[in-house]
Amino acid sequence: MDAYCFKCRAKREIKNPKKVTLKNGKPATQGVCAVCGTKVFRIGKS
């Protein structure tokens, strides 16, 4: 699964993806950028 990395300014693979649920009940995926190690977050698909 890919997410946008703000540090790389590109879509990158999510390393160590973790399913989370937002306060409003929507699913999301949280992890780290495979290239630079910055935290990335994707709302929706999990």
PDB file of N, CA and C in Angstrom:
ATOM      1  N   MET A   1       0.844  -1.177   0.000  1.00  0.00           N
ATOM      2  CA  MET A   1       0.000   0.000   0.000  1.00  0.00           C
ATOM      3  C   MET A   1       0.892   1.244   0.000  1.00  0.00           C
ATOM      4  N   ASP A   2       0.464   2.255  -0.725  1.00  0.00           N
ATOM      5  CA  ASP A   2       1.228   3.487  -0.833  1.00  0.00           C
ATOM      6  C   ASP A   2       0.558   4.625  -0.078  1.00  0.00           C
ATOM      7  N   ALA A   3       1.376   5.574   0.358  1.00  0.00           N
ATOM      8  CA  ALA A   3       0.892   6.794   0.982  1.00  0.00           C
ATOM      9  C   ALA A   3       1.813   7.925   0.546  1.00  0.00           C
ATOM     10  N   TYR A   4       1.337   9.150   0.602  1.00  0.00           N
ATOM     11  CA  TYR A   4       2.145  10.297   0.199  1.00  0.00           C
ATOM     12  C   TYR A   4       3.079  10.685   1.333  1.00  0.00           C
ATOM     13  N   CYS A   5       4.373  10.756   1.035  1.00  0.00           N
ATOM     14  CA  CYS A   5       5.370  11.179   2.022  1.00  0.00           C
ATOM     15  C   CYS A   5       5.658  12.659   1.786  1.00  0.00           C
ATOM     16  N   PHE A   6       5.453  13.490   2.796  1.00  0.00           N
ATOM     17  CA  PHE A   6       5.648  14.925   2.647  1.00  0.00           C
ATOM     18  C   PHE A   6       7.128  15.295   2.604  1.00  0.00           C
ATOM     19  N   LYS A   7       7.982  14.480   3.181  1.00  0.00           N
ATOM     20  CA  LYS A   7       9.416  14.755   3.149  1.00  0.00           C
ATOM     21  C   LYS A   7      10.002  14.419   1.776  1.00  0.00           C
ATOM     22  N   CYS A   8       9.637  13.268   1.211  1.00  0.00           N
ATOM     23  CA  CYS A   8      10.109  12.866  -0.120  1.00  0.00           C
ATOM     24  C   CYS A   8       9.334  13.560  -1.236  1.00  0.00           C
ATOM     25  N   ARG A   9       8.133  14.044  -0.917  1.00  0.00           N
ATOM     26  CA  ARG A   9       7.211  14.647  -1.891  1.00  0.00           C
ATOM     27  C   ARG A   9       6.870  13.681  -3.022  1.00  0.00           C
ATOM     28  N   ALA A  10       6.589  12.447  -2.621  1.00  0.00           N
ATOM     29  CA  ALA A  10       6.222  11.413  -3.591  1.00  0.00           C
ATOM     30  C   ALA A  10       5.419  10.333  -2.879  1.00  0.00           C
ATOM     31  N   LYS A  11       4.720   9.489  -3.678  1.00  0.00           N
ATOM     32  CA  LYS A  11       4.021   8.345  -3.102  1.00  0.00           C
ATOM     33  C   LYS A  11       5.049   7.267  -2.811  1.00  0.00           C
ATOM     34  N   ARG A  12       5.040   6.745  -1.612  1.00  0.00           N
ATOM     35  CA  ARG A  12       6.002   5.732  -1.190  1.00  0.00           C
ATOM     36  C   ARG A  12       5.287   4.561  -0.543  1.00  0.00           C
ATOM     37  N   GLU A  13       5.952   3.427  -0.529  1.00  0.00           N
ATOM     38  CA  GLU A  13       5.442   2.223   0.126  1.00  0.00           C
ATOM     39  C   GLU A  13       5.402   2.455   1.636  1.00  0.00           C
ATOM     40  N   ILE A  14       4.362   1.953   2.304  1.00  0.00           N
ATOM     41  CA  ILE A  14       4.257   2.070   3.758  1.00  0.00           C
ATOM     42  C   ILE A  14       4.972   0.880   4.392  1.00  0.00           C
ATOM     43  N   LYS A  15       5.934   1.164   5.255  1.00  0.00           N
ATOM     44  CA  LYS A  15       6.656   0.122   5.975  1.00  0.00           C
ATOM     45  C   LYS A  15       6.026  -0.002   7.360  1.00  0.00           C
ATOM     46  N   ASN A  16       5.875  -1.211   7.859  1.00  0.00           N
ATOM     47  CA  ASN A  16       5.236  -1.490   9.151  1.00  0.00           C
ATOM     48  C   ASN A  16       3.832  -0.885   9.236  1.00  0.00           C
ATOM     49  N   PRO A  17       2.937  -1.211   8.275  1.00  0.00           N
ATOM     50  CA  PRO A  17       1.584  -0.627   8.314  1.00  0.00           C
ATOM     51  C   PRO A  17       0.791  -1.115   9.518  1.00  0.00           C
ATOM     52  N   LYS A  18       0.017  -0.208  10.079  1.00  0.00           N
ATOM     53  CA  LYS A  18      -0.797  -0.512  11.258  1.00  0.00           C
ATOM     54  C   LYS A  18      -2.187   0.056  11.020  1.00  0.00           C
ATOM     55  N   LYS A  19      -3.214  -0.770  11.191  1.00  0.00           N
ATOM     56  CA  LYS A  19      -4.592  -0.307  11.007  1.00  0.00           C
ATOM     57  C   LYS A  19      -5.020   0.496  12.223  1.00  0.00           C
ATOM     58  N   VAL A  20      -5.590   1.669  11.979  1.00  0.00           N
ATOM     59  CA  VAL A  20      -6.107   2.514  13.053  1.00  0.00           C
ATOM     60  C   VAL A  20      -7.497   2.989  12.666  1.00  0.00           C
ATOM     61  N   THR A  21      -8.253   3.451  13.648  1.00  0.00           N
ATOM     62  CA  THR A  21      -9.582   4.000  13.414  1.00  0.00           C
ATOM     63  C   THR A  21      -9.595   5.435  13.928  1.00  0.00           C
ATOM     64  N   LEU A  22     -10.072   6.341  13.096  1.00  0.00           N
ATOM     65  CA  LEU A  22     -10.145   7.747  13.482  1.00  0.00           C
ATOM     66  C   LEU A  22     -11.306   7.963  14.452  1.00  0.00           C
ATOM     67  N   LYS A  23     -11.339   9.143  15.067  1.00  0.00           N
ATOM     68  CA  LYS A  23     -12.401   9.453  16.033  1.00  0.00           C
ATOM     69  C   LYS A  23     -13.792   9.354  15.419  1.00  0.00           C
ATOM     70  N   ASN A  24     -13.909   9.697  14.125  1.00  0.00           N
ATOM     71  CA  ASN A  24     -15.217   9.657  13.470  1.00  0.00           C
ATOM     72  C   ASN A  24     -15.560   8.264  12.957  1.00  0.00           C
ATOM     73  N   GLY A  25     -14.710   7.263  13.217  1.00  0.00           N
ATOM     74  CA  GLY A  25     -15.000   5.886  12.849  1.00  0.00           C
ATOM     75  C   GLY A  25     -14.432   5.438  11.516  1.00  0.00           C
ATOM     76  N   LYS A  26     -13.795   6.332  10.762  1.00  0.00           N
ATOM     77  CA  LYS A  26     -13.229   5.953   9.467  1.00  0.00           C
ATOM     78  C   LYS A  26     -11.937   5.152   9.654  1.00  0.00           C
ATOM     79  N   PRO A  27     -11.714   4.179   8.778  1.00  0.00           N
ATOM     80  CA  PRO A  27     -10.474   3.407   8.870  1.00  0.00           C
ATOM     81  C   PRO A  27      -9.303   4.190   8.275  1.00  0.00           C
ATOM     82  N   ALA A  28      -8.091   3.909   8.759  1.00  0.00           N
ATOM     83  CA  ALA A  28      -6.889   4.551   8.237  1.00  0.00           C
ATOM     84  C   ALA A  28      -5.713   3.608   8.438  1.00  0.00           C
ATOM     85  N   THR A  29      -4.608   3.900   7.755  1.00  0.00           N
ATOM     86  CA  THR A  29      -3.393   3.116   7.884  1.00  0.00           C
ATOM     87  C   THR A  29      -2.257   4.060   8.245  1.00  0.00           C
ATOM     88  N   GLN A  30      -1.469   3.668   9.231  1.00  0.00           N
ATOM     89  CA  GLN A  30      -0.356   4.478   9.691  1.00  0.00           C
ATOM     90  C   GLN A  30       0.912   3.644   9.627  1.00  0.00           C
ATOM     91  N   GLY A  31       2.016   4.263   9.257  1.00  0.00           N
ATOM     92  CA  GLY A  31       3.286   3.552   9.174  1.00  0.00           C
ATOM     93  C   GLY A  31       4.421   4.526   8.944  1.00  0.00           C
ATOM     94  N   VAL A  32       5.528   4.021   8.389  1.00  0.00           N
ATOM     95  CA  VAL A  32       6.668   4.877   8.093  1.00  0.00           C
ATOM     96  C   VAL A  32       7.052   4.734   6.627  1.00  0.00           C
ATOM     97  N   CYS A  33       7.649   5.784   6.086  1.00  0.00           N
ATOM     98  CA  CYS A  33       8.112   5.786   4.695  1.00  0.00           C
ATOM     99  C   CYS A  33       9.262   4.797   4.564  1.00  0.00           C
ATOM    100  N   ALA A  34       9.213   3.963   3.513  1.00  0.00           N
ATOM    101  CA  ALA A  34      10.247   2.955   3.303  1.00  0.00           C
ATOM    102  C   ALA A  34      11.585   3.574   2.911  1.00  0.00           C
ATOM    103  N   VAL A  35      11.590   4.809   2.423  1.00  0.00           N
ATOM    104  CA  VAL A  35      12.821   5.446   1.956  1.00  0.00           C
ATOM    105  C   VAL A  35      13.484   6.300   3.044  1.00  0.00           C
ATOM    106  N   CYS A  36      12.705   7.244   3.635  1.00  0.00           N
ATOM    107  CA  CYS A  36      13.315   8.200   4.571  1.00  0.00           C
ATOM    108  C   CYS A  36      12.969   7.951   6.038  1.00  0.00           C
ATOM    109  N   GLY A  37      11.955   7.130   6.323  1.00  0.00           N
ATOM    110  CA  GLY A  37      11.609   6.821   7.711  1.00  0.00           C
ATOM    111  C   GLY A  37      10.643   7.787   8.363  1.00  0.00           C
ATOM    112  N   THR A  38      10.110   8.744   7.610  1.00  0.00           N
ATOM    113  CA  THR A  38       9.136   9.701   8.140  1.00  0.00           C
ATOM    114  C   THR A  38       7.786   9.009   8.330  1.00  0.00           C
ATOM    115  N   LYS A  39       7.036   9.436   9.336  1.00  0.00           N
ATOM    116  CA  LYS A  39       5.712   8.867   9.572  1.00  0.00           C
ATOM    117  C   LYS A  39       4.772   9.240   8.434  1.00  0.00           C
ATOM    118  N   VAL A  40       4.058   8.258   7.891  1.00  0.00           N
ATOM    119  CA  VAL A  40       3.065   8.496   6.832  1.00  0.00           C
ATOM    120  C   VAL A  40       1.715   7.966   7.280  1.00  0.00           C
ATOM    121  N   PHE A  41       0.654   8.518   6.699  1.00  0.00           N
ATOM    122  CA  PHE A  41      -0.706   8.241   7.145  1.00  0.00           C
ATOM    123  C   PHE A  41      -1.608   8.228   5.924  1.00  0.00           C
ATOM    124  N   ARG A  42      -2.473   7.229   5.830  1.00  0.00           N
ATOM    125  CA  ARG A  42      -3.420   7.163   4.721  1.00  0.00           C
ATOM    126  C   ARG A  42      -4.817   6.906   5.258  1.00  0.00           C
ATOM    127  N   ILE A  43      -5.717   7.822   4.947  1.00  0.00           N
ATOM    128  CA  ILE A  43      -7.110   7.684   5.376  1.00  0.00           C
ATOM    129  C   ILE A  43      -7.857   6.915   4.323  1.00  0.00           C
ATOM    130  N   GLY A  44      -8.736   6.022   4.748  1.00  0.00           N
ATOM    131  CA  GLY A  44      -9.518   5.213   3.816  1.00  0.00           C
ATOM    132  C   GLY A  44      -9.139   3.760   3.924  1.00  0.00           C
ATOM    133  N   LYS A  45      -8.675   3.178   2.818  1.00  0.00           N
ATOM    134  CA  LYS A  45      -8.307   1.762   2.794  1.00  0.00           C
ATOM    135  C   LYS A  45      -7.397   1.389   3.960  1.00  0.00           C
ATOM    136  N   SER A  46      -7.668   0.250   4.538  1.00  0.00           N
ATOM    137  CA  SER A  46      -6.761  -0.204   5.599  1.00  0.00           C
ATOM    138  C   SER A  46      -6.493  -1.676   5.482  1.00  0.00           C
TER     139      SER A  46
END
